[in-house]
Amino acid sequence: MAHQKPALNSNSNFSVEVIILKIILIITLLFLVTGFITPLVTLKKFLLIEHTFSVLSGTLELFTENQFFLFLLIFSFSIVIPLLKIAVLFKLLYSRQTQKPSLHKFLHWMHLYGKWSMLDVFVVAVLVVTVKLGAIASVEIHYGMYFFSAAIILTMIITARIVKLAEIVEQNNLNHEPE
């Protein structure tokens, strides 16, 4: 008979923490969606022209202005990858098996590279806009920026904690393997 190793959420020592992580992940998803659709910044040009945009509206504006490279960059790293990362975190938290090699590799990849995918590109984009418009416009930050940033930080924290829990479960499995 094959010995099935326990999943991350089946170990009784971690069940409360996994439930808390699931709740925080749901809140993170809500923060991320709110950050996508709520006002992020307002650009005021020459005290007469004012333009407020969100992540989604700004991304779509790049597309309509034929800025395809910037559109793909911002869309990929600020929208698609964060959503995929949250989907994978949900899958990991609801998974019945944590011992698959591909799962371990993906956990490692998410931990090392995932934290940079959202934050760096987004901050660089905002800084570029701010620097380029500094002489002719002012930039006002809105609550969408805070929701989006909170979602990024929470995703990084959840990822790090899931990686740590998976390592503990793996170590426990190695210590309890039949010889």
Foldseek 3Di string as FASTA:
>chain_A
DDDAAFALCVDPVCVVVLVVLVVLLVLLVVLLVLLQADWFKWKQFPVPDIDTDGLPRVLVVCVVVVVVVLSCLSCVQAPVLLVVLSVLLVCRSPPGHCPDPVNLVVLVCCLPPVLCSHPVSVVVVVVVVCVVCVVGIHMDGDCSNVSSVVSSVSSNVSSVVSNVSSVVSVVVCVVPDDD
